[in-house]
Amino acid sequence: MRRNRSTMLAAAAAGALALLTLTACGGSSDGDSDDAAKPAQKPAASAFVKVADSSLGRILVDDSGRTLYGFTKDKPGASKCDADCIAVWPALTSAKDVQAGTGAKAALLKETKLGEGAEQATYGDWPLYYYVGDATPGDVNGQGLDGEWFVIAADGKLIKKAV
C-alpha cells in the first residue's frame, strides 16, 4: 500500500506541474487579468537590444545575447501576459529607455509603462519577453510554444518557422 500511495502522489505532483506549465504559458488563460504585465523581477537600470545570427536567422537579443520573444495575444504596444505568464516569460524591463544596439532599428524600439516605474521594451508592435527555458545566450527553446510565442526578427516581425 505504501508503494502505491507514493506512486499516486508522484503522479499527482507531475499532473499539477503540467497544468501549471500550460496555464503559465498562455495555453488556458485569455491573459486579460488585472495584473497583466507586472514585472517579475526588478528592472535593470538600462538595457540594450541588438540583432544576432541564430538557427532561425537574424533575431533580436538583449545585450547578453539572450533571445527575445513576442506573444501573439499581445496588442500593439500593450502586453496581455498576466502574472502567471510573466513567471515563465519574464518581460524585458528597464528603469530607463531601452537602447538599440548593433543591427537593431532604433525606430522600431519603444517602451510601454508597467507597474512600479518599470518600462517593458517593445520592438515593432511586440512587447519583448525572455523564456525561462533558454539556459544560454542564443537558445531558442521558446520558439513556437503553444503556437503563441515566437522569436522576433530584425525587421520587428515574428519568425513563425520551426526550429
Protein backbone atom coordinates (compact mmCIF):
# COMPACT_ATOMS: atom_id res chain seq x y z
CA MET A 1 0.00 0.00 0.00
CA ARG A 2 2.85 2.40 0.80
CA ARG A 3 4.41 1.96 -2.63
CA ASN A 4 1.07 2.50 -4.36
CA ARG A 5 0.46 5.71 -2.36
CA SER A 6 3.93 7.04 -3.28
CA THR A 7 3.24 6.32 -6.95
CA MET A 8 -0.11 8.13 -6.74
CA LEU A 9 1.48 11.16 -5.03
CA ALA A 10 4.20 11.36 -7.68
CA ALA A 11 1.61 11.16 -10.47
CA ALA A 12 -0.50 13.89 -8.84
CA ALA A 13 2.54 16.15 -8.48
CA ALA A 14 3.50 15.61 -12.12
CA GLY A 15 -0.05 16.43 -13.23
CA ALA A 16 -0.13 19.61 -11.17
CA LEU A 17 3.20 20.72 -12.64
CA ALA A 18 1.95 20.07 -16.17
CA LEU A 19 -1.23 22.08 -15.52
CA LEU A 20 0.77 24.97 -14.03
CA THR A 21 3.09 24.99 -17.04
CA LEU A 22 0.19 25.08 -19.53
CA THR A 23 -1.52 27.87 -17.63
CA ALA A 24 1.65 29.93 -17.29
CA CYS A 25 2.44 29.56 -20.98
CA GLY A 26 -0.87 31.02 -22.05
CA GLY A 27 -2.43 27.70 -23.00
CA SER A 28 -5.62 28.08 -20.98
CA SER A 29 -5.67 31.74 -19.97
CA ASP A 30 -7.01 34.59 -22.04
CA GLY A 31 -4.39 36.87 -20.48
CA ASP A 32 -6.92 39.56 -19.58
CA SER A 33 -6.31 39.62 -15.82
CA ASP A 34 -5.86 42.86 -13.92
CA ASP A 35 -2.24 42.02 -13.14
CA ALA A 36 -1.15 41.82 -16.78
CA ALA A 37 2.49 42.55 -17.50
CA LYS A 38 3.70 43.20 -13.97
CA PRO A 39 7.45 42.69 -13.88
CA ALA A 40 8.52 39.55 -12.03
CA GLN A 41 11.97 40.96 -11.32
CA LYS A 42 13.44 44.34 -10.51
CA PRO A 43 14.02 46.24 -13.77
CA ALA A 44 17.58 46.70 -14.97
CA ALA A 45 19.00 50.22 -14.72
CA SER A 46 19.31 50.20 -18.52
CA ALA A 47 19.05 47.66 -21.32
CA PHE A 48 20.13 47.24 -24.93
CA VAL A 49 18.75 45.09 -27.72
CA LYS A 50 20.71 44.02 -30.76
CA VAL A 51 20.50 41.57 -33.65
CA ALA A 52 22.36 38.25 -33.69
CA ASP A 53 22.59 35.25 -36.00
CA SER A 54 20.71 32.11 -34.94
CA SER A 55 19.33 28.87 -36.33
CA LEU A 56 16.21 30.91 -37.20
CA GLY A 57 18.10 33.68 -38.98
CA ARG A 58 18.87 37.17 -37.66
CA ILE A 59 16.95 37.63 -34.42
CA LEU A 60 16.54 40.17 -31.64
CA VAL A 61 18.54 39.52 -28.46
CA ASP A 62 19.49 41.53 -25.39
CA ASP A 63 22.97 42.86 -24.69
CA SER A 64 23.96 39.45 -23.22
CA GLY A 65 22.77 37.56 -26.30
CA ARG A 66 19.59 36.17 -24.69
CA THR A 67 16.78 35.60 -27.21
CA LEU A 68 13.74 37.89 -27.12
CA TYR A 69 10.22 36.72 -27.95
CA GLY A 70 6.83 38.13 -28.89
CA PHE A 71 3.43 36.86 -27.70
CA THR A 72 0.67 36.65 -30.32
CA LYS A 73 -2.03 37.59 -27.78
CA ASP A 74 -0.38 40.98 -27.20
CA LYS A 75 -1.78 44.06 -28.89
CA PRO A 76 0.50 46.68 -30.49
CA GLY A 77 2.47 48.21 -27.64
CA ALA A 78 0.41 46.51 -24.91
CA SER A 79 1.15 43.30 -23.01
CA LYS A 80 -1.55 40.69 -22.35
CA CYS A 81 0.85 38.46 -20.39
CA ASP A 82 -0.55 38.09 -16.85
CA ALA A 83 1.36 37.29 -13.64
CA ASP A 84 1.35 33.51 -14.27
CA CYS A 85 2.59 34.11 -17.80
CA ILE A 86 5.34 36.50 -16.64
CA ALA A 87 6.65 33.76 -14.32
CA VAL A 88 7.60 31.73 -17.43
CA TRP A 89 8.04 34.61 -19.90
CA PRO A 90 9.72 37.50 -18.00
CA ALA A 91 9.41 40.89 -19.67
CA LEU A 92 12.48 42.83 -20.83
CA THR A 93 12.21 45.77 -18.45
CA SER A 94 14.35 48.78 -17.77
CA ALA A 95 14.20 51.78 -15.46
CA LYS A 96 15.44 53.92 -18.39
CA ASP A 97 14.80 53.88 -22.13
CA VAL A 98 15.98 50.70 -23.83
CA GLN A 99 18.71 51.40 -26.39
CA ALA A 100 19.16 49.95 -29.89
CA GLY A 101 22.46 48.11 -30.32
CA THR A 102 24.15 46.52 -33.34
CA GLY A 103 21.66 45.74 -36.11
CA ALA A 104 18.57 46.81 -34.14
CA LYS A 105 16.45 49.59 -35.64
CA ALA A 106 16.01 52.43 -33.16
CA ALA A 107 12.78 53.49 -34.93
CA LEU A 108 11.19 50.12 -34.01
CA LEU A 109 12.25 50.26 -30.35
CA LYS A 110 9.86 51.79 -27.84
CA GLU A 111 8.66 51.17 -24.29
CA THR A 112 5.33 50.62 -22.63
CA LYS A 113 4.77 51.51 -18.97
CA LEU A 114 4.44 48.75 -16.40
CA GLY A 115 3.85 48.98 -12.68
CA GLU A 116 6.38 50.31 -10.18
CA GLY A 117 8.17 52.69 -12.57
CA ALA A 118 9.41 49.99 -14.91
CA GLU A 119 9.05 50.02 -18.66
CA GLN A 120 8.76 46.98 -20.91
CA ALA A 121 10.67 47.25 -24.16
CA THR A 122 8.73 46.83 -27.40
CA TYR A 123 10.13 46.24 -30.87
CA GLY A 124 7.87 46.83 -33.82
CA ASP A 125 4.46 46.11 -32.35
CA TRP A 126 5.72 43.44 -29.93
CA PRO A 127 6.38 43.75 -26.19
CA LEU A 128 9.61 41.80 -25.53
CA TYR A 129 9.98 38.72 -23.32
CA TYR A 130 12.57 36.15 -22.33
CA TYR A 131 11.81 32.44 -21.93
CA VAL A 132 12.94 30.77 -18.68
CA GLY A 133 13.71 27.58 -20.63
CA ASP A 134 16.54 29.32 -22.51
CA ALA A 135 19.65 28.42 -20.50
CA THR A 136 22.38 30.08 -22.57
CA PRO A 137 22.67 33.00 -24.99
CA GLY A 138 21.37 32.03 -28.41
CA ASP A 139 18.94 29.36 -27.16
CA VAL A 140 15.55 29.49 -28.93
CA ASN A 141 13.73 26.87 -26.82
CA GLY A 142 10.60 29.03 -26.58
CA GLN A 143 10.12 29.20 -30.35
CA GLY A 144 6.55 28.25 -31.29
CA LEU A 145 5.46 27.21 -27.79
CA ASP A 146 1.68 26.95 -27.51
CA GLY A 147 1.55 28.37 -31.04
CA GLU A 148 1.74 31.82 -29.37
CA TRP A 149 5.41 32.57 -28.66
CA PHE A 150 7.86 33.43 -31.42
CA VAL A 151 11.33 34.89 -31.83
CA ILE A 152 11.41 38.43 -33.21
CA ALA A 153 13.31 39.16 -36.43
CA ALA A 154 15.48 42.21 -37.06
CA ASP A 155 12.59 43.79 -39.01
CA GLY A 156 10.27 43.58 -35.97
CA LYS A 157 8.15 40.71 -37.29
CA LEU A 158 7.62 37.36 -35.61
CA ILE A 159 9.54 34.42 -37.07
CA LYS A 160 7.00 31.61 -37.23
CA LYS A 161 9.14 28.83 -38.69
CA ALA A 162 10.05 25.77 -36.63
CA VAL A 163 13.46 25.32 -35.05
